[in-house]
Amino acid sequence: MFITFEGIEGSGKTTQINHTVRFLEGKGRTCVVTREPGDTRIGKKIRQILLDPENRELVPQAELFLYAADRAQHIHERILPALKAGHDVVCDRFYDATTAYQGYARGIDLDMIQALHKQVLGTLKPDLTILFDLDPRIGLERAWKEIDRGGRADNETRFEHEALAFHDKVRAGYLELAAREPHRITIIDASLNKDEVSRTIARILSTHLQGQELNPIPRQIP
C-alpha cells in the first residue's frame, strides 16, 4: 500500500507519520518511510536548493522541474523497490504538493503539471492520501515555533517566508484536489489535538485495509 501525507507548513503531518507506522506494523505490515524532497542522496542536494531561503531568485518553472527531478529519482530508487518488495510506503508529500504549490499557488499551467506528472510517475499513484487541512495562519505559527526551538532547520524555510496569500492558495488547491478525488484523498482537521488526529488516522487506515481485503485490486507497478 502506498500512502501519502499532504498539507501546508505546520499542519502536523510529519508528527503523525510515526503513529501511522506503528499502527500498520501493529497489523503485521512492514513499512518504508520516505519524504519529498530529499530522501535520496541526489534528492538531498536538490532539497538544499529548493528550501534554502537565500534562493529567492528561483523562478517557478525551475522550482517545478527541480521537484520533478527529485521525484523521478525518488520513485526509481526508493518507492518502486519498496512496493515491489511488498512493503507499505508512507511518504511525506508527493505529487499533490506539486499541483498545490507550483500549480495553484505559483500559477503554473495545471495541464503542463499533469503532463509532467505523467512522464515522471507512469502508472504509479497513491492508494490513499491523507490531507491535513489547517488555517495557514495557525500552520505558519506552529512552523515558526518549531523552527525557533530548533526542531527544524532554519536553512529550510523558503516556503515559510512566503506571504500568507501564497499559503491560502496552497490550501485552496489542496481542497480542490480533494474534491476531485474523494475516493483517494481523505481530509483531516489538523486543528484537533495530536491524539484526536492519530485516532482519526487509525480509523481511516482500518477502513482502507478492510476495503482492500474485501476488494483486492492488483497494483500496477511499472
C-alpha atoms as a PDB file:
ATOM      1  CA  MET A   1       0.000   0.000   0.000  1.00  0.00           C
ATOM      2  CA  PHE A   2       1.266   3.453  -0.931  1.00  0.00           C
ATOM      3  CA  ILE A   3       0.135   6.204   1.478  1.00  0.00           C
ATOM      4  CA  THR A   4       0.953   9.882   1.091  1.00  0.00           C
ATOM      5  CA  PHE A   5       0.559  12.666   3.642  1.00  0.00           C
ATOM      6  CA  GLU A   6      -0.141  16.185   2.387  1.00  0.00           C
ATOM      7  CA  GLY A   7      -0.719  19.591   3.951  1.00  0.00           C
ATOM      8  CA  ILE A   8       0.590  23.091   4.419  1.00  0.00           C
ATOM      9  CA  GLU A   9       3.530  24.026   6.641  1.00  0.00           C
ATOM     10  CA  GLY A  10       2.830  23.327  10.303  1.00  0.00           C
ATOM     11  CA  SER A  11      -0.118  21.015   9.686  1.00  0.00           C
ATOM     12  CA  GLY A  12       1.454  18.207  11.731  1.00  0.00           C
ATOM     13  CA  LYS A  13       1.713  15.516   9.080  1.00  0.00           C
ATOM     14  CA  THR A  14       5.336  14.665   9.890  1.00  0.00           C
ATOM     15  CA  THR A  15       4.426  14.040  13.542  1.00  0.00           C
ATOM     16  CA  GLN A  16       1.612  11.685  12.540  1.00  0.00           C
ATOM     17  CA  ILE A  17       3.759   9.547  10.265  1.00  0.00           C
ATOM     18  CA  ASN A  18       5.318   7.809  13.289  1.00  0.00           C
ATOM     19  CA  HIS A  19       1.854   6.981  14.661  1.00  0.00           C
ATOM     20  CA  THR A  20       0.811   5.658  11.258  1.00  0.00           C
ATOM     21  CA  VAL A  21       3.821   3.376  11.010  1.00  0.00           C
ATOM     22  CA  ARG A  22       3.223   1.990  14.496  1.00  0.00           C
ATOM     23  CA  PHE A  23      -0.420   1.318  13.604  1.00  0.00           C
ATOM     24  CA  LEU A  24       0.477  -0.513  10.369  1.00  0.00           C
ATOM     25  CA  GLU A  25       3.250  -2.519  12.000  1.00  0.00           C
ATOM     26  CA  GLY A  26       0.758  -3.493  14.692  1.00  0.00           C
ATOM     27  CA  LYS A  27      -1.268  -5.049  11.893  1.00  0.00           C
ATOM     28  CA  GLY A  28       1.726  -7.143  10.875  1.00  0.00           C
ATOM     29  CA  ARG A  29       2.733  -4.958   7.935  1.00  0.00           C
ATOM     30  CA  THR A  30       6.227  -3.680   7.122  1.00  0.00           C
ATOM     31  CA  CYS A  31       6.725  -0.007   6.321  1.00  0.00           C
ATOM     32  CA  VAL A  32       9.189   2.174   4.485  1.00  0.00           C
ATOM     33  CA  VAL A  33       9.004   5.849   5.486  1.00  0.00           C
ATOM     34  CA  THR A  34      10.124   8.426   2.979  1.00  0.00           C
ATOM     35  CA  ARG A  35       9.674  12.079   2.053  1.00  0.00           C
ATOM     36  CA  GLU A  36       9.848  14.648  -0.702  1.00  0.00           C
ATOM     37  CA  PRO A  37      12.019  16.393  -1.462  1.00  0.00           C
ATOM     38  CA  GLY A  38      15.298  14.915  -0.364  1.00  0.00           C
ATOM     39  CA  ASP A  39      15.074  11.219   0.510  1.00  0.00           C
ATOM     40  CA  THR A  40      17.835  10.071  -1.855  1.00  0.00           C
ATOM     41  CA  ARG A  41      21.469  11.154  -1.981  1.00  0.00           C
ATOM     42  CA  ILE A  42      20.805  13.199  -5.099  1.00  0.00           C
ATOM     43  CA  GLY A  43      17.498  14.390  -3.689  1.00  0.00           C
ATOM     44  CA  LYS A  44      19.216  15.837  -0.625  1.00  0.00           C
ATOM     45  CA  LYS A  45      21.175  18.185  -2.875  1.00  0.00           C
ATOM     46  CA  ILE A  46      18.005  19.199  -4.688  1.00  0.00           C
ATOM     47  CA  ARG A  47      16.287  19.793  -1.336  1.00  0.00           C
ATOM     48  CA  GLN A  48      19.039  22.195  -0.300  1.00  0.00           C
ATOM     49  CA  ILE A  49      18.336  24.315  -3.369  1.00  0.00           C
ATOM     50  CA  LEU A  50      14.558  24.193  -3.053  1.00  0.00           C
ATOM     51  CA  LEU A  51      14.231  25.028   0.637  1.00  0.00           C
ATOM     52  CA  ASP A  52      17.122  27.441   1.203  1.00  0.00           C
ATOM     53  CA  PRO A  53      15.577  30.869   1.990  1.00  0.00           C
ATOM     54  CA  GLU A  54      18.567  32.520   0.281  1.00  0.00           C
ATOM     55  CA  ASN A  55      17.345  31.218  -3.090  1.00  0.00           C
ATOM     56  CA  ARG A  56      14.707  33.917  -3.531  1.00  0.00           C
ATOM     57  CA  GLU A  57      15.516  34.262  -7.232  1.00  0.00           C
ATOM     58  CA  LEU A  58      14.432  30.672  -8.016  1.00  0.00           C
ATOM     59  CA  VAL A  59      11.724  31.036 -10.667  1.00  0.00           C
ATOM     60  CA  PRO A  60       8.535  28.903 -10.534  1.00  0.00           C
ATOM     61  CA  GLN A  61       9.414  26.832 -13.615  1.00  0.00           C
ATOM     62  CA  ALA A  62      12.860  25.972 -12.219  1.00  0.00           C
ATOM     63  CA  GLU A  63      11.248  25.081  -8.905  1.00  0.00           C
ATOM     64  CA  LEU A  64       8.773  22.801 -10.702  1.00  0.00           C
ATOM     65  CA  PHE A  65      11.456  20.917 -12.620  1.00  0.00           C
ATOM     66  CA  LEU A  66      13.644  20.502  -9.540  1.00  0.00           C
ATOM     67  CA  TYR A  67      10.730  18.856  -7.742  1.00  0.00           C
ATOM     68  CA  ALA A  68      10.153  16.626 -10.771  1.00  0.00           C
ATOM     69  CA  ALA A  69      13.820  15.631 -10.835  1.00  0.00           C
ATOM     70  CA  ASP A  70      13.741  14.780  -7.126  1.00  0.00           C
ATOM     71  CA  ARG A  71      10.574  12.729  -7.626  1.00  0.00           C
ATOM     72  CA  ALA A  72      11.935  10.792 -10.600  1.00  0.00           C
ATOM     73  CA  GLN A  73      14.989   9.754  -8.588  1.00  0.00           C
ATOM     74  CA  HIS A  74      12.867   9.048  -5.501  1.00  0.00           C
ATOM     75  CA  ILE A  75      10.443   6.774  -7.353  1.00  0.00           C
ATOM     76  CA  HIS A  76      13.220   4.828  -9.056  1.00  0.00           C
ATOM     77  CA  GLU A  77      15.453   4.478  -6.022  1.00  0.00           C
ATOM     78  CA  ARG A  78      13.068   4.193  -3.095  1.00  0.00           C
ATOM     79  CA  ILE A  79       9.352   3.907  -3.774  1.00  0.00           C
ATOM     80  CA  LEU A  80       9.132   1.278  -6.508  1.00  0.00           C
ATOM     81  CA  PRO A  81      11.710  -1.086  -4.951  1.00  0.00           C
ATOM     82  CA  ALA A  82       9.850  -0.943  -1.617  1.00  0.00           C
ATOM     83  CA  LEU A  83       6.448  -1.610  -3.206  1.00  0.00           C
ATOM     84  CA  LYS A  84       7.826  -4.445  -5.321  1.00  0.00           C
ATOM     85  CA  ALA A  85       9.273  -5.982  -2.143  1.00  0.00           C
ATOM     86  CA  GLY A  86       5.798  -5.964  -0.596  1.00  0.00           C
ATOM     87  CA  HIS A  87       6.297  -3.120   1.871  1.00  0.00           C
ATOM     88  CA  ASP A  88       3.871  -0.325   2.640  1.00  0.00           C
ATOM     89  CA  VAL A  89       5.336   3.047   1.681  1.00  0.00           C
ATOM     90  CA  VAL A  90       4.419   6.077   3.799  1.00  0.00           C
ATOM     91  CA  CYS A  91       5.539   9.278   2.097  1.00  0.00           C
ATOM     92  CA  ASP A  92       5.619  12.819   3.493  1.00  0.00           C
ATOM     93  CA  ARG A  93       4.380  14.765   0.427  1.00  0.00           C
ATOM     94  CA  PHE A  94       4.172  13.566  -3.162  1.00  0.00           C
ATOM     95  CA  TYR A  95       2.797  14.865  -6.450  1.00  0.00           C
ATOM     96  CA  ASP A  96      -0.289  16.556  -4.975  1.00  0.00           C
ATOM     97  CA  ALA A  97       2.103  19.000  -3.298  1.00  0.00           C
ATOM     98  CA  THR A  98       3.471  19.998  -6.698  1.00  0.00           C
ATOM     99  CA  THR A  99      -0.025  20.639  -8.044  1.00  0.00           C
ATOM    100  CA  ALA A 100      -0.970  22.683  -4.954  1.00  0.00           C
ATOM    101  CA  TYR A 101       2.251  24.679  -4.572  1.00  0.00           C
ATOM    102  CA  GLN A 102       3.546  25.140  -8.099  1.00  0.00           C
ATOM    103  CA  GLY A 103       0.153  24.973  -9.819  1.00  0.00           C
ATOM    104  CA  TYR A 104      -2.492  26.636  -7.677  1.00  0.00           C
ATOM    105  CA  ALA A 105      -0.133  28.887  -5.705  1.00  0.00           C
ATOM    106  CA  ARG A 106       2.608  29.718  -8.228  1.00  0.00           C
ATOM    107  CA  GLY A 107       0.203  29.827 -11.158  1.00  0.00           C
ATOM    108  CA  ILE A 108       1.936  27.331 -13.453  1.00  0.00           C
ATOM    109  CA  ASP A 109      -0.448  25.814 -16.001  1.00  0.00           C
ATOM    110  CA  LEU A 110      -2.136  22.777 -14.454  1.00  0.00           C
ATOM    111  CA  ASP A 111      -2.221  20.863 -17.746  1.00  0.00           C
ATOM    112  CA  MET A 112       1.552  21.269 -18.024  1.00  0.00           C
ATOM    113  CA  ILE A 113       1.981  19.941 -14.485  1.00  0.00           C
ATOM    114  CA  GLN A 114      -0.257  16.961 -15.211  1.00  0.00           C
ATOM    115  CA  ALA A 115       1.746  16.164 -18.354  1.00  0.00           C
ATOM    116  CA  LEU A 116       4.937  16.290 -16.297  1.00  0.00           C
ATOM    117  CA  HIS A 117       3.387  14.015 -13.671  1.00  0.00           C
ATOM    118  CA  LYS A 118       2.538  11.505 -16.402  1.00  0.00           C
ATOM    119  CA  GLN A 119       6.140  11.441 -17.587  1.00  0.00           C
ATOM    120  CA  VAL A 120       7.594  11.035 -14.092  1.00  0.00           C
ATOM    121  CA  LEU A 121       5.004   8.767 -12.465  1.00  0.00           C
ATOM    122  CA  GLY A 122       3.985   6.387 -15.214  1.00  0.00           C
ATOM    123  CA  THR A 123       1.100   4.394 -13.712  1.00  0.00           C
ATOM    124  CA  LEU A 124       2.154   4.974 -10.099  1.00  0.00           C
ATOM    125  CA  LYS A 125      -0.481   6.585  -7.868  1.00  0.00           C
ATOM    126  CA  PRO A 126      -1.022   6.578  -4.093  1.00  0.00           C
ATOM    127  CA  ASP A 127      -3.612   4.147  -2.771  1.00  0.00           C
ATOM    128  CA  LEU A 128      -4.522   6.622  -0.048  1.00  0.00           C
ATOM    129  CA  THR A 129      -3.703  10.281   0.534  1.00  0.00           C
ATOM    130  CA  ILE A 130      -4.363  11.920   3.902  1.00  0.00           C
ATOM    131  CA  LEU A 131      -4.700  15.700   3.671  1.00  0.00           C
ATOM    132  CA  PHE A 132      -4.063  17.637   6.878  1.00  0.00           C
ATOM    133  CA  ASP A 133      -6.232  20.729   6.494  1.00  0.00           C
ATOM    134  CA  LEU A 134      -5.431  23.781   8.590  1.00  0.00           C
ATOM    135  CA  ASP A 135      -5.780  27.563   8.511  1.00  0.00           C
ATOM    136  CA  PRO A 136      -2.379  28.781   7.206  1.00  0.00           C
ATOM    137  CA  ARG A 137      -2.197  31.364   9.981  1.00  0.00           C
ATOM    138  CA  ILE A 138      -2.180  28.565  12.552  1.00  0.00           C
ATOM    139  CA  GLY A 139       0.135  26.412  10.477  1.00  0.00           C
ATOM    140  CA  LEU A 140       2.752  29.114   9.998  1.00  0.00           C
ATOM    141  CA  GLU A 141       2.658  29.990  13.685  1.00  0.00           C
ATOM    142  CA  ARG A 142       3.271  26.335  14.544  1.00  0.00           C
ATOM    143  CA  ALA A 143       6.044  26.037  11.956  1.00  0.00           C
ATOM    144  CA  TRP A 144       7.949  29.085  13.186  1.00  0.00           C
ATOM    145  CA  LYS A 145       7.678  27.959  16.794  1.00  0.00           C
ATOM    146  CA  GLU A 146       9.188  24.616  15.797  1.00  0.00           C
ATOM    147  CA  ILE A 147      11.974  26.364  13.903  1.00  0.00           C
ATOM    148  CA  ASP A 148      12.689  28.799  16.752  1.00  0.00           C
ATOM    149  CA  ARG A 149      13.096  25.988  19.267  1.00  0.00           C
ATOM    150  CA  GLY A 150      15.446  24.080  16.984  1.00  0.00           C
ATOM    151  CA  GLY A 151      13.042  21.333  15.937  1.00  0.00           C
ATOM    152  CA  ARG A 152      13.552  22.223  12.287  1.00  0.00           C
ATOM    153  CA  ALA A 153      16.462  23.677  10.360  1.00  0.00           C
ATOM    154  CA  ASP A 154      16.267  27.412   9.710  1.00  0.00           C
ATOM    155  CA  ASN A 155      18.077  26.922   6.380  1.00  0.00           C
ATOM    156  CA  GLU A 156      14.975  25.125   5.031  1.00  0.00           C
ATOM    157  CA  THR A 157      12.452  27.929   5.437  1.00  0.00           C
ATOM    158  CA  ARG A 158      11.998  29.301   1.914  1.00  0.00           C
ATOM    159  CA  PHE A 159       8.293  28.441   1.880  1.00  0.00           C
ATOM    160  CA  GLU A 160       7.691  29.660   5.424  1.00  0.00           C
ATOM    161  CA  HIS A 161       8.889  33.066   4.222  1.00  0.00           C
ATOM    162  CA  GLU A 162       6.181  33.200   1.546  1.00  0.00           C
ATOM    163  CA  ALA A 163       3.290  35.648   2.022  1.00  0.00           C
ATOM    164  CA  LEU A 164       0.123  34.450   3.727  1.00  0.00           C
ATOM    165  CA  ALA A 165      -1.771  34.831   0.438  1.00  0.00           C
ATOM    166  CA  PHE A 166       0.511  32.189  -1.086  1.00  0.00           C
ATOM    167  CA  HIS A 167      -0.306  29.695   1.668  1.00  0.00           C
ATOM    168  CA  ASP A 168      -4.028  30.441   1.318  1.00  0.00           C
ATOM    169  CA  LYS A 169      -3.740  29.471  -2.358  1.00  0.00           C
ATOM    170  CA  VAL A 170      -1.910  26.261  -1.449  1.00  0.00           C
ATOM    171  CA  ARG A 171      -4.667  25.306   0.976  1.00  0.00           C
ATOM    172  CA  ALA A 172      -7.378  26.098  -1.576  1.00  0.00           C
ATOM    173  CA  GLY A 173      -5.525  23.993  -4.146  1.00  0.00           C
ATOM    174  CA  TYR A 174      -5.337  21.020  -1.833  1.00  0.00           C
ATOM    175  CA  LEU A 175      -9.052  21.253  -1.050  1.00  0.00           C
ATOM    176  CA  GLU A 176      -9.843  21.411  -4.767  1.00  0.00           C
ATOM    177  CA  LEU A 177      -7.803  18.259  -5.347  1.00  0.00           C
ATOM    178  CA  ALA A 178      -9.627  16.515  -2.504  1.00  0.00           C
ATOM    179  CA  ALA A 179     -12.987  17.484  -4.015  1.00  0.00           C
ATOM    180  CA  ARG A 180     -11.903  15.990  -7.339  1.00  0.00           C
ATOM    181  CA  GLU A 181     -10.650  12.701  -5.872  1.00  0.00           C
ATOM    182  CA  PRO A 182     -12.665  11.959  -2.718  1.00  0.00           C
ATOM    183  CA  HIS A 183     -12.042   8.205  -3.008  1.00  0.00           C
ATOM    184  CA  ARG A 184      -8.276   8.682  -2.741  1.00  0.00           C
ATOM    185  CA  ILE A 185      -7.886  11.858  -0.666  1.00  0.00           C
ATOM    186  CA  THR A 186      -9.286  11.997   2.870  1.00  0.00           C
ATOM    187  CA  ILE A 187      -9.309  15.328   4.699  1.00  0.00           C
ATOM    188  CA  ILE A 188      -8.382  15.522   8.373  1.00  0.00           C
ATOM    189  CA  ASP A 189      -8.979  18.554  10.577  1.00  0.00           C
ATOM    190  CA  ALA A 190      -5.400  19.319  11.601  1.00  0.00           C
ATOM    191  CA  SER A 191      -6.532  21.855  14.219  1.00  0.00           C
ATOM    192  CA  LEU A 192      -7.508  18.959  16.507  1.00  0.00           C
ATOM    193  CA  ASN A 193      -5.053  17.788  19.163  1.00  0.00           C
ATOM    194  CA  LYS A 194      -2.473  15.188  18.209  1.00  0.00           C
ATOM    195  CA  ASP A 195      -4.243  12.265  19.898  1.00  0.00           C
ATOM    196  CA  GLU A 196      -7.526  13.004  18.130  1.00  0.00           C
ATOM    197  CA  VAL A 197      -5.736  13.227  14.799  1.00  0.00           C
ATOM    198  CA  SER A 198      -3.967   9.909  15.466  1.00  0.00           C
ATOM    199  CA  ARG A 199      -7.266   8.195  16.281  1.00  0.00           C
ATOM    200  CA  THR A 200      -8.832   9.594  13.124  1.00  0.00           C
ATOM    201  CA  ILE A 201      -5.965   8.288  11.009  1.00  0.00           C
ATOM    202  CA  ALA A 202      -6.264   4.867  12.639  1.00  0.00           C
ATOM    203  CA  ARG A 203      -9.963   4.747  11.718  1.00  0.00           C
ATOM    204  CA  ILE A 204      -9.203   5.766   8.131  1.00  0.00           C
ATOM    205  CA  LEU A 205      -6.488   3.119   7.798  1.00  0.00           C
ATOM    206  CA  SER A 206      -8.685   0.411   9.333  1.00  0.00           C
ATOM    207  CA  THR A 207     -11.451   1.161   6.850  1.00  0.00           C
ATOM    208  CA  HIS A 208      -8.998   1.220   3.960  1.00  0.00           C
ATOM    209  CA  LEU A 209      -7.391  -2.080   4.943  1.00  0.00           C
ATOM    210  CA  GLN A 210     -10.804  -3.733   5.278  1.00  0.00           C
ATOM    211  CA  GLY A 211     -11.698  -2.482   1.814  1.00  0.00           C
ATOM    212  CA  GLN A 212      -8.509  -3.974   0.402  1.00  0.00           C
ATOM    213  CA  GLU A 213      -9.349  -7.338   1.922  1.00  0.00           C
ATOM    214  CA  LEU A 214     -12.896  -7.277   0.552  1.00  0.00           C
ATOM    215  CA  ASN A 215     -11.993  -5.936  -2.895  1.00  0.00           C
ATOM    216  CA  PRO A 216      -8.395  -6.832  -3.681  1.00  0.00           C
ATOM    217  CA  ILE A 217      -7.160  -4.894  -6.715  1.00  0.00           C
ATOM    218  CA  PRO A 218      -3.731  -5.801  -8.121  1.00  0.00           C
ATOM    219  CA  ARG A 219      -1.368  -2.837  -8.082  1.00  0.00           C
ATOM    220  CA  GLN A 220       0.176  -1.813 -11.388  1.00  0.00           C
ATOM    221  CA  ILE A 221       3.836  -1.116 -10.777  1.00  0.00           C
ATOM    222  CA  PRO A 222       5.891  -0.009 -13.787  1.00  0.00           C
END
